[in-house]
C-alpha atoms as a PDB file:
ATOM      1  CA  UNK A   1     -34.950 -22.256   1.239  1.00  0.00           C
ATOM      2  CA  UNK A   2     -33.447 -23.528  -1.998  1.00  0.00           C
ATOM      3  CA  UNK A   3     -32.055 -20.809  -4.258  1.00  0.00           C
ATOM      4  CA  UNK A   4     -31.902 -21.957  -7.879  1.00  0.00           C
ATOM      5  CA  UNK A   5     -29.411 -19.210  -8.746  1.00  0.00           C
ATOM      6  CA  UNK A   6     -26.808 -20.762  -6.433  1.00  0.00           C
ATOM      7  CA  UNK A   7     -27.165 -24.291  -7.809  1.00  0.00           C
ATOM      8  CA  UNK A   8     -24.627 -23.856 -10.654  1.00  0.00           C
ATOM      9  CA  UNK A   9     -22.121 -22.267  -8.268  1.00  0.00           C
ATOM     10  CA  UNK A  10     -22.486 -25.128  -5.805  1.00  0.00           C
ATOM     11  CA  UNK A  11     -22.006 -27.640  -8.607  1.00  0.00           C
ATOM     12  CA  UNK A  12     -18.862 -25.874  -9.828  1.00  0.00           C
ATOM     13  CA  UNK A  13     -17.347 -25.770  -6.343  1.00  0.00           C
ATOM     14  CA  UNK A  14     -18.174 -29.460  -5.844  1.00  0.00           C
ATOM     15  CA  UNK A  15     -16.532 -30.363  -9.158  1.00  0.00           C
ATOM     16  CA  UNK A  16     -13.452 -28.307  -8.296  1.00  0.00           C
ATOM     17  CA  UNK A  17     -13.085 -30.002  -4.915  1.00  0.00           C
ATOM     18  CA  UNK A  18     -13.556 -33.472  -6.428  1.00  0.00           C
ATOM     19  CA  UNK A  19     -11.038 -32.731  -9.187  1.00  0.00           C
ATOM     20  CA  UNK A  20      -8.505 -31.407  -6.675  1.00  0.00           C
ATOM     21  CA  UNK A  21      -9.019 -34.458  -4.454  1.00  0.00           C
ATOM     22  CA  UNK A  22      -8.598 -36.857  -7.370  1.00  0.00           C
ATOM     23  CA  UNK A  23      -5.440 -35.206  -8.631  1.00  0.00           C
ATOM     24  CA  UNK A  24      -4.174 -34.969  -5.063  1.00  0.00           C
ATOM     25  CA  UNK A  25      -4.492 -38.740  -4.680  1.00  0.00           C
ATOM     26  CA  UNK A  26      -2.728 -39.215  -8.011  1.00  0.00           C
ATOM     27  CA  UNK A  27       0.039 -36.874  -6.887  1.00  0.00           C
ATOM     28  CA  UNK A  28       0.500 -38.818  -3.657  1.00  0.00           C
ATOM     29  CA  UNK A  29       0.708 -42.073  -5.632  1.00  0.00           C
ATOM     30  CA  UNK A  30       3.370 -40.507  -7.858  1.00  0.00           C
ATOM     31  CA  UNK A  31       5.144 -38.991  -4.822  1.00  0.00           C
ATOM     32  CA  UNK A  32       4.623 -35.460  -6.062  1.00  0.00           C
ATOM     33  CA  UNK A  33       3.875 -32.406  -3.873  1.00  0.00           C
ATOM     34  CA  UNK A  34       0.174 -31.723  -3.363  1.00  0.00           C
ATOM     35  CA  UNK A  35       0.704 -28.128  -4.462  1.00  0.00           C
ATOM     36  CA  UNK A  36       1.574 -29.366  -7.960  1.00  0.00           C
ATOM     37  CA  UNK A  37      -1.611 -31.440  -8.076  1.00  0.00           C
ATOM     38  CA  UNK A  38      -3.753 -28.502  -6.953  1.00  0.00           C
ATOM     39  CA  UNK A  39      -2.220 -26.193  -9.564  1.00  0.00           C
ATOM     40  CA  UNK A  40      -2.894 -28.846 -12.199  1.00  0.00           C
ATOM     41  CA  UNK A  41      -6.505 -29.056 -10.992  1.00  0.00           C
ATOM     42  CA  UNK A  42      -6.909 -25.316 -11.470  1.00  0.00           C
ATOM     43  CA  UNK A  43      -5.460 -25.470 -14.970  1.00  0.00           C
ATOM     44  CA  UNK A  44      -7.726 -28.351 -15.966  1.00  0.00           C
ATOM     45  CA  UNK A  45     -10.820 -26.674 -14.521  1.00  0.00           C
ATOM     46  CA  UNK A  46     -10.072 -23.390 -16.273  1.00  0.00           C
ATOM     47  CA  UNK A  47     -11.722 -22.121 -19.450  1.00  0.00           C
ATOM     48  CA  UNK A  48      -8.829 -23.180 -21.687  1.00  0.00           C
ATOM     49  CA  UNK A  49      -9.180 -26.908 -20.881  1.00  0.00           C
ATOM     50  CA  UNK A  50     -12.347 -28.358 -19.331  1.00  0.00           C
ATOM     51  CA  UNK A  51     -14.214 -25.109 -18.740  1.00  0.00           C
ATOM     52  CA  UNK A  52     -15.776 -26.234 -15.466  1.00  0.00           C
ATOM     53  CA  UNK A  53     -15.826 -22.713 -14.040  1.00  0.00           C
ATOM     54  CA  UNK A  54     -18.556 -20.427 -15.356  1.00  0.00           C
ATOM     55  CA  UNK A  55     -19.358 -18.289 -12.284  1.00  0.00           C
ATOM     56  CA  UNK A  56     -16.226 -16.189 -12.648  1.00  0.00           C
ATOM     57  CA  UNK A  57     -17.179 -13.514 -10.097  1.00  0.00           C
ATOM     58  CA  UNK A  58     -17.845 -16.026  -7.328  1.00  0.00           C
ATOM     59  CA  UNK A  59     -14.730 -18.067  -8.094  1.00  0.00           C
ATOM     60  CA  UNK A  60     -12.664 -14.860  -8.136  1.00  0.00           C
ATOM     61  CA  UNK A  61     -14.011 -13.948  -4.690  1.00  0.00           C
ATOM     62  CA  UNK A  62     -13.298 -17.460  -3.431  1.00  0.00           C
ATOM     63  CA  UNK A  63      -9.751 -17.272  -4.775  1.00  0.00           C
ATOM     64  CA  UNK A  64      -9.141 -13.894  -3.110  1.00  0.00           C
ATOM     65  CA  UNK A  65     -10.253 -15.245   0.256  1.00  0.00           C
ATOM     66  CA  UNK A  66      -8.152 -18.371  -0.231  1.00  0.00           C
ATOM     67  CA  UNK A  67      -5.044 -16.374  -1.139  1.00  0.00           C
ATOM     68  CA  UNK A  68      -5.515 -14.140   1.908  1.00  0.00           C
ATOM     69  CA  UNK A  69      -5.795 -17.192   4.171  1.00  0.00           C
ATOM     70  CA  UNK A  70      -2.780 -18.868   2.537  1.00  0.00           C
ATOM     71  CA  UNK A  71      -0.663 -15.759   3.012  1.00  0.00           C
ATOM     72  CA  UNK A  72      -1.922 -15.560   6.589  1.00  0.00           C
ATOM     73  CA  UNK A  73      -0.560 -19.083   7.107  1.00  0.00           C
ATOM     74  CA  UNK A  74       2.720 -17.964   5.543  1.00  0.00           C
ATOM     75  CA  UNK A  75       2.794 -15.041   7.957  1.00  0.00           C
ATOM     76  CA  UNK A  76       2.501 -17.484  10.849  1.00  0.00           C
ATOM     77  CA  UNK A  77       5.738 -19.086   9.629  1.00  0.00           C
ATOM     78  CA  UNK A  78       7.650 -15.800   9.635  1.00  0.00           C
ATOM     79  CA  UNK A  79       9.997 -15.901  12.613  1.00  0.00           C
ATOM     80  CA  UNK A  80      12.035 -12.717  12.410  1.00  0.00           C
ATOM     81  CA  UNK A  81      14.375 -13.960  15.161  1.00  0.00           C
ATOM     82  CA  UNK A  82      15.538 -16.630  12.717  1.00  0.00           C
ATOM     83  CA  UNK A  83      17.244 -13.875  10.711  1.00  0.00           C
ATOM     84  CA  UNK A  84      19.385 -12.937  13.705  1.00  0.00           C
ATOM     85  CA  UNK A  85      20.435 -16.544  14.266  1.00  0.00           C
ATOM     86  CA  UNK A  86      21.442 -17.011  10.622  1.00  0.00           C
ATOM     87  CA  UNK A  87      22.974 -13.556  10.331  1.00  0.00           C
ATOM     88  CA  UNK A  88      24.546 -12.441   7.086  1.00  0.00           C
ATOM     89  CA  UNK A  89      23.824 -15.698   5.250  1.00  0.00           C
ATOM     90  CA  UNK A  90      20.075 -15.101   5.051  1.00  0.00           C
ATOM     91  CA  UNK A  91      20.324 -11.349   4.456  1.00  0.00           C
ATOM     92  CA  UNK A  92      22.985 -11.443   1.737  1.00  0.00           C
ATOM     93  CA  UNK A  93      21.507 -14.439  -0.072  1.00  0.00           C
ATOM     94  CA  UNK A  94      17.933 -13.161   0.151  1.00  0.00           C
ATOM     95  CA  UNK A  95      18.605  -9.574  -0.909  1.00  0.00           C
ATOM     96  CA  UNK A  96      21.177 -10.644  -3.497  1.00  0.00           C
ATOM     97  CA  UNK A  97      18.810 -13.046  -5.246  1.00  0.00           C
ATOM     98  CA  UNK A  98      16.006 -10.467  -5.233  1.00  0.00           C
ATOM     99  CA  UNK A  99      18.237  -7.687  -6.541  1.00  0.00           C
ATOM    100  CA  UNK A 100      19.599  -9.835  -9.361  1.00  0.00           C
ATOM    101  CA  UNK A 101      16.183 -11.166 -10.438  1.00  0.00           C
ATOM    102  CA  UNK A 102      14.457  -7.795 -10.110  1.00  0.00           C
ATOM    103  CA  UNK A 103      17.189  -5.925 -11.973  1.00  0.00           C
ATOM    104  CA  UNK A 104      17.225  -8.414 -14.828  1.00  0.00           C
ATOM    105  CA  UNK A 105      13.423  -8.449 -15.041  1.00  0.00           C
ATOM    106  CA  UNK A 106      13.178  -4.641 -14.976  1.00  0.00           C
ATOM    107  CA  UNK A 107      15.750  -4.275 -17.754  1.00  0.00           C
ATOM    108  CA  UNK A 108      14.079  -6.904 -19.955  1.00  0.00           C
ATOM    109  CA  UNK A 109      10.652  -5.338 -19.408  1.00  0.00           C
ATOM    110  CA  UNK A 110      11.938  -1.919 -20.473  1.00  0.00           C
ATOM    111  CA  UNK A 111      13.548  -3.452 -23.561  1.00  0.00           C
ATOM    112  CA  UNK A 112      10.183  -5.007 -24.448  1.00  0.00           C
ATOM    113  CA  UNK A 113       8.579  -1.561 -24.336  1.00  0.00           C
ATOM    114  CA  UNK A 114       6.757  -1.646 -21.000  1.00  0.00           C
ATOM    115  CA  UNK A 115       6.316   1.486 -18.911  1.00  0.00           C
ATOM    116  CA  UNK A 116       8.528   1.903 -15.835  1.00  0.00           C
ATOM    117  CA  UNK A 117       5.618   1.110 -13.486  1.00  0.00           C
ATOM    118  CA  UNK A 118       4.696  -2.025 -15.456  1.00  0.00           C
ATOM    119  CA  UNK A 119       8.371  -2.999 -15.560  1.00  0.00           C
ATOM    120  CA  UNK A 120       8.529  -2.578 -11.781  1.00  0.00           C
ATOM    121  CA  UNK A 121       5.631  -5.018 -11.404  1.00  0.00           C
ATOM    122  CA  UNK A 122       7.408  -7.515 -13.657  1.00  0.00           C
ATOM    123  CA  UNK A 123      10.630  -7.103 -11.686  1.00  0.00           C
ATOM    124  CA  UNK A 124       8.785  -7.602  -8.403  1.00  0.00           C
ATOM    125  CA  UNK A 125       7.048 -10.728  -9.701  1.00  0.00           C
ATOM    126  CA  UNK A 126      10.325 -12.245 -10.896  1.00  0.00           C
ATOM    127  CA  UNK A 127      11.979 -11.574  -7.545  1.00  0.00           C
ATOM    128  CA  UNK A 128       9.411 -13.664  -5.653  1.00  0.00           C
ATOM    129  CA  UNK A 129      10.244 -17.003  -4.124  1.00  0.00           C
ATOM    130  CA  UNK A 130       7.186 -19.122  -3.382  1.00  0.00           C
ATOM    131  CA  UNK A 131       7.211 -19.259   0.400  1.00  0.00           C
ATOM    132  CA  UNK A 132       4.032 -21.348   0.439  1.00  0.00           C
ATOM    133  CA  UNK A 133       5.415 -24.054  -1.836  1.00  0.00           C
ATOM    134  CA  UNK A 134       8.876 -24.186  -0.263  1.00  0.00           C
ATOM    135  CA  UNK A 135       7.596 -24.302   3.321  1.00  0.00           C
ATOM    136  CA  UNK A 136       5.053 -26.963   2.359  1.00  0.00           C
ATOM    137  CA  UNK A 137       7.682 -29.129   0.667  1.00  0.00           C
ATOM    138  CA  UNK A 138      10.121 -28.769   3.559  1.00  0.00           C
ATOM    139  CA  UNK A 139       7.354 -29.663   6.011  1.00  0.00           C
ATOM    140  CA  UNK A 140       6.293 -32.703   3.986  1.00  0.00           C
ATOM    141  CA  UNK A 141       9.883 -33.955   3.929  1.00  0.00           C
ATOM    142  CA  UNK A 142      10.350 -33.073   7.622  1.00  0.00           C
ATOM    143  CA  UNK A 143      13.386 -30.986   6.750  1.00  0.00           C
ATOM    144  CA  UNK A 144      12.173 -27.589   7.926  1.00  0.00           C
ATOM    145  CA  UNK A 145      14.304 -27.823  11.099  1.00  0.00           C
ATOM    146  CA  UNK A 146      17.412 -29.046   9.261  1.00  0.00           C
ATOM    147  CA  UNK A 147      20.322 -26.713   8.526  1.00  0.00           C
ATOM    148  CA  UNK A 148      19.408 -26.214   4.863  1.00  0.00           C
ATOM    149  CA  UNK A 149      15.742 -25.881   5.829  1.00  0.00           C
ATOM    150  CA  UNK A 150      16.486 -23.136   8.357  1.00  0.00           C
ATOM    151  CA  UNK A 151      18.725 -21.317   5.860  1.00  0.00           C
ATOM    152  CA  UNK A 152      16.015 -21.521   3.191  1.00  0.00           C
ATOM    153  CA  UNK A 153      13.394 -20.275   5.642  1.00  0.00           C
ATOM    154  CA  UNK A 154      15.644 -17.405   6.719  1.00  0.00           C
ATOM    155  CA  UNK A 155      16.152 -16.353   3.096  1.00  0.00           C
ATOM    156  CA  UNK A 156      12.396 -16.521   2.516  1.00  0.00           C
ATOM    157  CA  UNK A 157      11.719 -14.349   5.564  1.00  0.00           C
ATOM    158  CA  UNK A 158      14.151 -11.687   4.339  1.00  0.00           C
ATOM    159  CA  UNK A 159      12.540 -11.751   0.903  1.00  0.00           C
ATOM    160  CA  UNK A 160       8.996 -11.625   2.298  1.00  0.00           C
ATOM    161  CA  UNK A 161       9.825  -8.577   4.402  1.00  0.00           C
ATOM    162  CA  UNK A 162      11.434  -6.886   1.398  1.00  0.00           C
ATOM    163  CA  UNK A 163       8.450  -7.756  -0.791  1.00  0.00           C
ATOM    164  CA  UNK A 164       6.074  -6.129   1.702  1.00  0.00           C
ATOM    165  CA  UNK A 165       7.961  -2.834   1.371  1.00  0.00           C
ATOM    166  CA  UNK A 166       8.207  -3.206  -2.403  1.00  0.00           C
ATOM    167  CA  UNK A 167       4.470  -3.900  -2.745  1.00  0.00           C
ATOM    168  CA  UNK A 168       3.663  -0.744  -0.799  1.00  0.00           C
ATOM    169  CA  UNK A 169       5.993   1.348  -2.983  1.00  0.00           C
ATOM    170  CA  UNK A 170       4.787  -0.114  -6.295  1.00  0.00           C
ATOM    171  CA  UNK A 171       1.130   0.204  -5.291  1.00  0.00           C
ATOM    172  CA  UNK A 172       1.697   3.861  -4.463  1.00  0.00           C
ATOM    173  CA  UNK A 173       3.459   4.500  -7.765  1.00  0.00           C
ATOM    174  CA  UNK A 174       0.648   2.819  -9.676  1.00  0.00           C
ATOM    175  CA  UNK A 175      -2.154   4.624  -7.858  1.00  0.00           C
ATOM    176  CA  UNK A 176      -0.597   8.044  -7.760  1.00  0.00           C
ATOM    177  CA  UNK A 177      -0.257   8.824 -11.446  1.00  0.00           C
ATOM    178  CA  UNK A 178       2.383  11.484 -11.812  1.00  0.00           C
ATOM    179  CA  UNK A 179       2.486  12.647  -8.191  1.00  0.00           C
ATOM    180  CA  UNK A 180       4.212   9.626  -6.685  1.00  0.00           C
ATOM    181  CA  UNK A 181       5.231  11.349  -3.454  1.00  0.00           C
ATOM    182  CA  UNK A 182       1.637  12.378  -2.722  1.00  0.00           C
ATOM    183  CA  UNK A 183       0.490   8.799  -3.331  1.00  0.00           C
ATOM    184  CA  UNK A 184       3.245   7.232  -1.237  1.00  0.00           C
ATOM    185  CA  UNK A 185       2.418   9.232   1.908  1.00  0.00           C
ATOM    186  CA  UNK A 186      -1.109   7.827   2.493  1.00  0.00           C
ATOM    187  CA  UNK A 187       0.140   4.346   1.610  1.00  0.00           C
ATOM    188  CA  UNK A 188       2.883   4.645   4.229  1.00  0.00           C
ATOM    189  CA  UNK A 189       0.438   5.984   6.822  1.00  0.00           C
ATOM    190  CA  UNK A 190      -1.984   3.165   6.052  1.00  0.00           C
ATOM    191  CA  UNK A 191       0.786   0.604   6.446  1.00  0.00           C
ATOM    192  CA  UNK A 192       1.860   2.051   9.793  1.00  0.00           C
ATOM    193  CA  UNK A 193      -1.753   2.147  11.012  1.00  0.00           C
ATOM    194  CA  UNK A 194      -2.413  -1.466  10.017  1.00  0.00           C
ATOM    195  CA  UNK A 195       0.847  -2.650  11.597  1.00  0.00           C
ATOM    196  CA  UNK A 196      -0.119  -0.812  14.792  1.00  0.00           C
ATOM    197  CA  UNK A 197      -3.531  -2.488  14.848  1.00  0.00           C
ATOM    198  CA  UNK A 198      -1.939  -5.890  14.203  1.00  0.00           C
ATOM    199  CA  UNK A 199       0.601  -5.338  16.982  1.00  0.00           C
ATOM    200  CA  UNK A 200      -2.065  -4.319  19.507  1.00  0.00           C
ATOM    201  CA  UNK A 201      -4.248  -7.260  18.493  1.00  0.00           C
ATOM    202  CA  UNK A 202      -1.440  -9.813  18.714  1.00  0.00           C
ATOM    203  CA  UNK A 203       0.043  -8.312  21.888  1.00  0.00           C
ATOM    204  CA  UNK A 204      -3.123  -7.866  23.938  1.00  0.00           C
ATOM    205  CA  UNK A 205      -6.108  -9.622  22.352  1.00  0.00           C
ATOM    206  CA  UNK A 206      -5.066 -12.700  20.380  1.00  0.00           C
ATOM    207  CA  UNK A 207      -3.725 -14.644  23.374  1.00  0.00           C
ATOM    208  CA  UNK A 208      -6.830 -14.336  25.580  1.00  0.00           C
ATOM    209  CA  UNK A 209      -9.134 -15.020  22.635  1.00  0.00           C
ATOM    210  CA  UNK A 210      -7.219 -18.140  21.623  1.00  0.00           C
ATOM    211  CA  UNK A 211      -7.222 -19.376  25.216  1.00  0.00           C
ATOM    212  CA  UNK A 212     -10.971 -18.873  25.307  1.00  0.00           C
ATOM    213  CA  UNK A 213     -11.725 -20.752  22.086  1.00  0.00           C
ATOM    214  CA  UNK A 214      -8.926 -23.349  22.219  1.00  0.00           C
ATOM    215  CA  UNK A 215     -11.344 -26.039  23.405  1.00  0.00           C
ATOM    216  CA  UNK A 216     -13.295 -25.850  20.159  1.00  0.00           C
ATOM    217  CA  UNK A 217     -11.343 -26.686  16.968  1.00  0.00           C
ATOM    218  CA  UNK A 218     -14.201 -25.294  14.873  1.00  0.00           C
ATOM    219  CA  UNK A 219     -13.958 -21.898  16.558  1.00  0.00           C
ATOM    220  CA  UNK A 220     -10.182 -21.864  16.091  1.00  0.00           C
ATOM    221  CA  UNK A 221     -10.603 -22.386  12.341  1.00  0.00           C
ATOM    222  CA  UNK A 222     -13.318 -19.718  12.097  1.00  0.00           C
ATOM    223  CA  UNK A 223     -11.207 -17.325  14.173  1.00  0.00           C
ATOM    224  CA  UNK A 224      -8.156 -17.837  11.935  1.00  0.00           C
ATOM    225  CA  UNK A 225     -10.149 -17.344   8.721  1.00  0.00           C
ATOM    226  CA  UNK A 226     -11.899 -14.282  10.148  1.00  0.00           C
ATOM    227  CA  UNK A 227      -8.590 -12.842  11.326  1.00  0.00           C
ATOM    228  CA  UNK A 228      -6.991 -13.291   7.907  1.00  0.00           C
ATOM    229  CA  UNK A 229     -10.016 -11.973   5.991  1.00  0.00           C
ATOM    230  CA  UNK A 230     -10.452  -9.023   8.352  1.00  0.00           C
ATOM    231  CA  UNK A 231      -6.896  -7.750   8.047  1.00  0.00           C
ATOM    232  CA  UNK A 232      -6.961  -8.406   4.295  1.00  0.00           C
ATOM    233  CA  UNK A 233     -10.063  -6.214   4.039  1.00  0.00           C
ATOM    234  CA  UNK A 234      -8.388  -3.498   6.113  1.00  0.00           C
ATOM    235  CA  UNK A 235      -5.334  -3.517   3.862  1.00  0.00           C
ATOM    236  CA  UNK A 236      -7.506  -3.445   0.751  1.00  0.00           C
ATOM    237  CA  UNK A 237      -9.419  -0.443   2.110  1.00  0.00           C
ATOM    238  CA  UNK A 238      -6.116   1.335   2.717  1.00  0.00           C
ATOM    239  CA  UNK A 239      -5.099   0.622  -0.875  1.00  0.00           C
ATOM    240  CA  UNK A 240      -2.407  -1.906   0.019  1.00  0.00           C
ATOM    241  CA  UNK A 241      -4.119  -4.955  -1.450  1.00  0.00           C
ATOM    242  CA  UNK A 242      -5.755  -7.967   0.150  1.00  0.00           C
ATOM    243  CA  UNK A 243      -2.677 -10.144  -0.259  1.00  0.00           C
ATOM    244  CA  UNK A 244      -0.511  -7.808   1.814  1.00  0.00           C
ATOM    245  CA  UNK A 245      -3.128  -7.761   4.581  1.00  0.00           C
ATOM    246  CA  UNK A 246      -3.274 -11.529   4.666  1.00  0.00           C
ATOM    247  CA  UNK A 247       0.499 -11.748   4.974  1.00  0.00           C
END
């Protein structure tokens, strides 16, 4: 049955997809990464330019699901054994870049009058490297298996693992008010519980399920999206955030 209340939402999603497709084609013609075109599509569709998006709650939900799935795809790229093969190069470069960026960002945020917790968020944001964009660009150029591609991926893995720990700590500090130790304990327990569930699922269940549904590409896609959304919801329930669960 047709629901008139969903008609504007459907129209907005259709316009967003068409705009992204058009800018994606333009980006390909200009030999630019598709990620740049998609970011430009979001800027143009936003309220400050074309104002195509009016159903903010629905678009926010769609963006949360999309981010969880994107980070899930990033998680698939995380090969911890790559750190051992690259050794000190990945660890020193990854931690060094994060420490420098985070320290500089934290100091500047404090100078600007932000609270220590807010400054910690700023420092964490500045220490990020965009794994999604870098992996996508290396894949597009077929350089992900080259020496510089493997070094870059190793650095990104080190940083992603460090960011996971930092996100847990900062989330606990933000949620706990003055009693940071009391807030950090349930966060740590939630993280351990989720990691245990993920390990059991990957170790014992994921393989047989994938073998069962491998003949149907549609089921594989649904399974991957459900997997990402499910663990994102678990992490959000534990107070860790949907993004961390997707990763």
